[in-house]
C-alpha atoms as a PDB file:
ATOM      1  CA  MET A   1      99.184 190.956-133.652  1.00  0.00           C
ATOM      2  CA  ASN A   2      99.768 187.562-131.207  1.00  0.00           C
ATOM      3  CA  VAL A   3     103.100 185.743-131.399  1.00  0.00           C
ATOM      4  CA  ASN A   4     102.661 181.955-130.479  1.00  0.00           C
ATOM      5  CA  PHE A   5     106.614 181.678-130.893  1.00  0.00           C
ATOM      6  CA  HIS A   6     110.253 183.403-131.003  1.00  0.00           C
ATOM      7  CA  LEU A   7     112.116 182.803-134.286  1.00  0.00           C
ATOM      8  CA  VAL A   8     115.704 182.052-134.259  1.00  0.00           C
ATOM      9  CA  ASN A   9     118.122 181.274-137.091  1.00  0.00           C
ATOM     10  CA  ALA A  10     119.556 178.728-135.518  1.00  0.00           C
ATOM     11  CA  LEU A  11     121.931 177.399-138.576  1.00  0.00           C
ATOM     12  CA  PRO A  12     122.064 179.324-141.073  1.00  0.00           C
ATOM     13  CA  PRO A  13     121.886 177.866-144.659  1.00  0.00           C
ATOM     14  CA  VAL A  14     125.295 177.048-146.254  1.00  0.00           C
ATOM     15  CA  ALA A  15     125.964 174.585-149.168  1.00  0.00           C
ATOM     16  CA  ASP A  16     127.307 171.761-147.143  1.00  0.00           C
ATOM     17  CA  VAL A  17     125.585 172.538-144.170  1.00  0.00           C
ATOM     18  CA  PHE A  18     126.058 169.072-142.274  1.00  0.00           C
ATOM     19  CA  ALA A  19     129.724 168.751-143.231  1.00  0.00           C
ATOM     20  CA  THR A  20     131.314 165.760-140.310  1.00  0.00           C
ATOM     21  CA  SER A  21     129.093 167.634-137.729  1.00  0.00           C
ATOM     22  CA  SER A  22     127.465 170.265-136.746  1.00  0.00           C
ATOM     23  CA  ASP A  23     125.539 172.027-133.379  1.00  0.00           C
ATOM     24  CA  SER A  24     122.798 174.870-133.910  1.00  0.00           C
ATOM     25  CA  ASP A  25     123.108 177.514-131.604  1.00  0.00           C
ATOM     26  CA  ILE A  26     122.372 177.326-128.636  1.00  0.00           C
ATOM     27  CA  ILE A  27     118.187 177.522-127.719  1.00  0.00           C
ATOM     28  CA  ASP A  28     116.877 179.245-124.364  1.00  0.00           C
ATOM     29  CA  ALA A  29     114.014 176.316-123.685  1.00  0.00           C
ATOM     30  CA  GLY A  30     113.243 178.056-119.845  1.00  0.00           C
ATOM     31  CA  MET A  31     111.844 181.142-122.031  1.00  0.00           C
ATOM     32  CA  GLY A  32     108.876 179.084-123.640  1.00  0.00           C
ATOM     33  CA  ASP A  33     106.808 175.829-123.772  1.00  0.00           C
ATOM     34  CA  GLY A  34     109.143 174.081-125.823  1.00  0.00           C
ATOM     35  CA  VAL A  35     111.140 174.329-128.768  1.00  0.00           C
ATOM     36  CA  LEU A  36     110.896 173.510-132.080  1.00  0.00           C
ATOM     37  CA  PHE A  37     113.949 172.901-134.290  1.00  0.00           C
ATOM     38  CA  VAL A  38     113.085 172.771-138.144  1.00  0.00           C
ATOM     39  CA  ILE A  39     115.564 171.164-140.633  1.00  0.00           C
ATOM     40  CA  TYR A  40     115.520 172.493-144.306  1.00  0.00           C
ATOM     41  CA  SER A  41     117.260 170.915-147.307  1.00  0.00           C
ATOM     42  CA  GLY A  42     117.768 171.895-151.095  1.00  0.00           C
ATOM     43  CA  ALA A  43     119.565 170.536-153.256  1.00  0.00           C
ATOM     44  CA  VAL A  44     121.141 166.970-152.323  1.00  0.00           C
ATOM     45  CA  SER A  45     124.763 165.490-154.014  1.00  0.00           C
ATOM     46  CA  GLY A  46     123.910 161.430-152.715  1.00  0.00           C
ATOM     47  CA  ALA A  47     122.602 159.693-150.235  1.00  0.00           C
ATOM     48  CA  ALA A  48     123.111 161.900-147.469  1.00  0.00           C
ATOM     49  CA  VAL A  49     122.148 160.218-144.184  1.00  0.00           C
ATOM     50  CA  ASN A  50     122.534 162.607-141.056  1.00  0.00           C
ATOM     51  CA  THR A  51     122.046 161.276-137.214  1.00  0.00           C
ATOM     52  CA  VAL A  52     120.317 164.067-135.340  1.00  0.00           C
ATOM     53  CA  THR A  53     119.895 164.218-131.674  1.00  0.00           C
ATOM     54  CA  VAL A  54     118.890 167.407-128.903  1.00  0.00           C
ATOM     55  CA  GLU A  55     121.530 168.111-126.193  1.00  0.00           C
ATOM     56  CA  ALA A  56     120.446 169.960-123.491  1.00  0.00           C
ATOM     57  CA  SER A  57     122.735 172.018-120.846  1.00  0.00           C
ATOM     58  CA  SER A  58     122.206 173.341-116.991  1.00  0.00           C
ATOM     59  CA  THR A  59     124.087 176.596-118.675  1.00  0.00           C
ATOM     60  CA  ILE A  60     124.094 178.600-121.941  1.00  0.00           C
ATOM     61  CA  THR A  61     128.176 178.291-122.572  1.00  0.00           C
ATOM     62  CA  ALA A  62     126.868 174.146-122.950  1.00  0.00           C
ATOM     63  CA  THR A  63     130.129 173.197-121.846  1.00  0.00           C
ATOM     64  CA  ALA A  64     128.802 169.713-120.288  1.00  0.00           C
ATOM     65  CA  VAL A  65     126.091 168.444-122.432  1.00  0.00           C
ATOM     66  CA  THR A  66     123.597 165.628-122.011  1.00  0.00           C
ATOM     67  CA  THR A  67     121.334 163.801-124.984  1.00  0.00           C
ATOM     68  CA  VAL A  68     117.245 163.829-124.376  1.00  0.00           C
ATOM     69  CA  PRO A  69     114.661 162.179-126.062  1.00  0.00           C
ATOM     70  CA  PHE A  70     112.194 164.704-128.170  1.00  0.00           C
ATOM     71  CA  VAL A  71     109.549 163.718-130.958  1.00  0.00           C
ATOM     72  CA  TYR A  72     110.139 164.426-134.816  1.00  0.00           C
ATOM     73  CA  ARG A  73     108.145 164.352-138.148  1.00  0.00           C
ATOM     74  CA  ALA A  74     109.409 164.477-141.620  1.00  0.00           C
ATOM     75  CA  CYS A  75     108.114 166.130-144.617  1.00  0.00           C
ATOM     76  CA  VAL A  76     109.221 164.892-148.145  1.00  0.00           C
ATOM     77  CA  ALA A  77     106.866 166.717-150.537  1.00  0.00           C
ATOM     78  CA  THR A  78     105.166 169.514-150.456  1.00  0.00           C
ATOM     79  CA  ASP A  79     103.625 169.831-146.859  1.00  0.00           C
ATOM     80  CA  VAL A  80     103.027 166.143-146.497  1.00  0.00           C
ATOM     81  CA  TRP A  81     103.759 165.017-143.345  1.00  0.00           C
ATOM     82  CA  GLY A  82     104.458 162.188-141.476  1.00  0.00           C
ATOM     83  CA  ALA A  83     103.554 161.201-137.929  1.00  0.00           C
ATOM     84  CA  TRP A  84     105.459 162.326-134.987  1.00  0.00           C
ATOM     85  CA  THR A  85     107.598 159.479-133.540  1.00  0.00           C
ATOM     86  CA  ALA A  86     109.480 159.766-130.008  1.00  0.00           C
ATOM     87  CA  ALA A  87     113.068 159.608-130.761  1.00  0.00           C
ATOM     88  CA  ALA A  88     114.965 158.385-128.026  1.00  0.00           C
ATOM     89  CA  VAL A  89     118.323 159.781-127.130  1.00  0.00           C
ATOM     90  CA  ALA A  90     120.149 158.341-129.252  1.00  0.00           C
ATOM     91  CA  GLY A  91     118.140 160.817-131.726  1.00  0.00           C
ATOM     92  CA  PHE A  92     117.155 159.138-135.625  1.00  0.00           C
ATOM     93  CA  SER A  93     118.515 158.978-138.767  1.00  0.00           C
ATOM     94  CA  ALA A  94     117.636 162.069-141.756  1.00  0.00           C
ATOM     95  CA  ASN A  95     117.780 160.386-144.830  1.00  0.00           C
ATOM     96  CA  ASN A  96     118.728 163.571-147.009  1.00  0.00           C
ATOM     97  CA  THR A  97     117.989 161.473-150.028  1.00  0.00           C
ATOM     98  CA  VAL A  98     115.098 163.432-151.316  1.00  0.00           C
ATOM     99  CA  ALA A  99     115.697 166.988-152.119  1.00  0.00           C
ATOM    100  CA  ASN A 100     113.383 169.573-150.594  1.00  0.00           C
ATOM    101  CA  SER A 101     112.785 167.994-147.098  1.00  0.00           C
ATOM    102  CA  MET A 102     112.090 169.328-143.675  1.00  0.00           C
ATOM    103  CA  TRP A 103     111.902 167.673-140.411  1.00  0.00           C
ATOM    104  CA  GLN A 104     110.306 169.120-137.041  1.00  0.00           C
ATOM    105  CA  ILE A 105     112.267 168.250-133.672  1.00  0.00           C
ATOM    106  CA  TYR A 106     110.298 169.015-130.324  1.00  0.00           C
ATOM    107  CA  VAL A 107     111.754 169.320-127.005  1.00  0.00           C
ATOM    108  CA  ASP A 108     109.044 169.845-124.440  1.00  0.00           C
ATOM    109  CA  SER A 109     110.919 172.255-121.598  1.00  0.00           C
ATOM    110  CA  ALA A 110     108.850 170.861-118.529  1.00  0.00           C
ATOM    111  CA  GLU A 111     110.505 167.169-119.295  1.00  0.00           C
ATOM    112  CA  ILE A 112     114.184 168.998-119.634  1.00  0.00           C
ATOM    113  CA  ALA A 113     113.628 171.169-116.412  1.00  0.00           C
ATOM    114  CA  GLU A 114     112.302 168.330-114.284  1.00  0.00           C
ATOM    115  CA  ALA A 115     116.285 166.753-115.343  1.00  0.00           C
ATOM    116  CA  GLY A 116     117.680 169.876-114.392  1.00  0.00           C
ATOM    117  CA  TYR A 117     118.438 171.384-117.554  1.00  0.00           C
ATOM    118  CA  ARG A 118     117.208 174.412-119.436  1.00  0.00           C
ATOM    119  CA  TYR A 119     119.401 174.785-122.752  1.00  0.00           C
ATOM    120  CA  VAL A 120     119.221 173.177-125.758  1.00  0.00           C
ATOM    121  CA  ARG A 121     120.674 173.211-129.435  1.00  0.00           C
ATOM    122  CA  LEU A 122     120.390 170.251-132.399  1.00  0.00           C
ATOM    123  CA  SER A 123     123.316 168.370-133.240  1.00  0.00           C
ATOM    124  CA  THR A 124     123.594 166.721-136.250  1.00  0.00           C
ATOM    125  CA  ASP A 125     126.391 163.907-137.345  1.00  0.00           C
ATOM    126  CA  GLU A 126     127.107 163.305-140.992  1.00  0.00           C
ATOM    127  CA  THR A 127     127.422 159.524-141.034  1.00  0.00           C
ATOM    128  CA  GLY A 128     127.885 159.449-145.118  1.00  0.00           C
ATOM    129  CA  ASN A 129     129.913 162.290-146.859  1.00  0.00           C
ATOM    130  CA  PHE A 130     127.923 164.097-149.173  1.00  0.00           C
ATOM    131  CA  THR A 131     126.709 167.802-149.842  1.00  0.00           C
ATOM    132  CA  VAL A 132     123.565 169.021-148.473  1.00  0.00           C
ATOM    133  CA  LEU A 133     122.288 172.895-148.800  1.00  0.00           C
ATOM    134  CA  GLY A 134     119.950 173.335-145.689  1.00  0.00           C
ATOM    135  CA  GLY A 135     119.767 174.939-142.523  1.00  0.00           C
ATOM    136  CA  VAL A 136     118.209 174.969-139.088  1.00  0.00           C
ATOM    137  CA  LEU A 137     115.358 177.054-137.580  1.00  0.00           C
ATOM    138  CA  ALA A 138     114.200 177.170-134.076  1.00  0.00           C
ATOM    139  CA  MET A 139     111.241 178.264-132.837  1.00  0.00           C
ATOM    140  CA  VAL A 140     110.639 178.946-128.916  1.00  0.00           C
ATOM    141  CA  ILE A 141     106.739 177.891-128.587  1.00  0.00           C
ATOM    142  CA  ASN A 142     104.168 180.027-126.321  1.00  0.00           C
ATOM    143  CA  PRO A 143     107.385 182.316-124.807  1.00  0.00           C
ATOM    144  CA  ARG A 144     106.871 183.234-121.770  1.00  0.00           C
ATOM    145  CA  TYR A 145     107.701 187.222-122.277  1.00  0.00           C
ATOM    146  CA  ALA A 146     106.392 189.383-124.874  1.00  0.00           C
ATOM    147  CA  PRO A 147     108.711 190.358-127.748  1.00  0.00           C
ATOM    148  CA  MET A 148     109.768 193.854-127.603  1.00  0.00           C
ATOM    149  CA  PRO A 149     108.626 196.358-130.238  1.00  0.00           C
ATOM    150  CA  ALA A 150     110.322 197.702-132.848  1.00  0.00           C
ATOM    151  CA  THR A 151     109.563 200.715-132.194  1.00  0.00           C
ATOM    152  CA  VAL A 152     108.230 202.791-129.408  1.00  0.00           C
ATOM    153  CA  LEU A 153     106.861 205.302-131.613  1.00  0.00           C
ATOM    154  CA  ASP A 154     103.548 203.598-132.598  1.00  0.00           C
END
């Protein structure tokens, strides 16, 4: 089996995933070509809007982070994706008025490495207090290292 990504449950699904503000786990973008975050939401209790940014750091502890540019696209209907859009460091507004929607956010590892960063995380700030059921997956695209086998007894 040829694996072209490494999957991380970066922000497990919960009933109010974007309460006030939330950060995903820190992902080592230096382990591959880039990181693709997927925000997925289910039930929405109102017109929730969240500001989405990507923060980069030179250390795994993310004691000093800076926002970085990225590209994103939205899916508000089953398997109907919008065009990729470049986001400035200020991020974009994810409008969660549609239940069962998704966003893909891609950060290129080479671009952040040029600025001296290796680690990234997805950050959201809730601009309206509404409950959104959802979570965040992260995928390291084209990992530089082969995954460890589940067993050596093959």
